Amino acid sequence: MTETINIYCDESCHLEHDEASAMVLGAIWCPAAQVRNLHVRLRDLKRKHGLSDAFEIKWTKVSPAKLEFYQAAMDLFFQTEDLHFRALVVPDKSILKHDMRGQTHDEWYYKMYFHMLETLILPGARHHIFLDYKDTQGAARAQKLHQVLCNNFYDFDRAVIASLAVVDSREVGLVQLADLLIGAVCYANRKASGSPAKRALVEQMRRRSGYALTRTTLLKEAKTNILIWRPKEPEA
């Protein structure tokens, strides 16, 4: 039987003029057969910490009062063999010169999404990809990204990349968990330090993963896979 894999994507500091130096695109992936169980475990974790089922796990919501819960959510990722994470980090958006490359920031953003996703696609498996909703143009861009991915893998009948859909992260726990891990990676690469709770989560992720979060890991790293992306040619 063909294995089916679900990939849940999100990003941090992706806007061109958001005053943040680093940008991170990331994804959590797992066998589709485990999705229901994982969402139940996330729901139960919220209840255990006195949070409602509708509470959204989100890096921007990390606070000292909820640190214990967020640490438990991160532990759930590292304790679950079926969960995997990949992040593509752009350390400094300010050096990008899109006009010299004949592209918009939006077009470049989806190229980066392609690079983040391409190594996750397994020949012989079936994939469903979920992107967090950003704006009204998201569905059309997602459709284009789906087409580009399928063309790259000669998957013209979409047997390998079966779907690529935009979803509301408030309704999808694994997108929320991806947001938490992406947030920690972005915080580390921004060298931010203003929040003790966020610093604690960054150190927890470093300890559990065995990586600094600011350097590229081996390409085949399966649990916490990080790519630090830089332009191939000098920007001038």
Foldseek 3Di string as FASTA:
>chain_A
DAWEKEKAKEKDPLDLPPPFFKIKIKIKMFTPVCQVVVLVVLQVLCVVLPHHSLDFQAQVPQAPSCLVSLLVLVVVLLVDPRIAMEMEMALGSVLDDQVVVVHDSVVVSLVVVCVRCQLVFDPRHAYEYEYEDDDPCVAVSQVVSLVVSCVVVVVVVRRRDVYYYYDHSSVRRRNSSNNSVNSLLSCLSSVDDPGPSSVVVVVSCCVSVVHSSNDADPSPDTHYGYHHDDDPDRRD
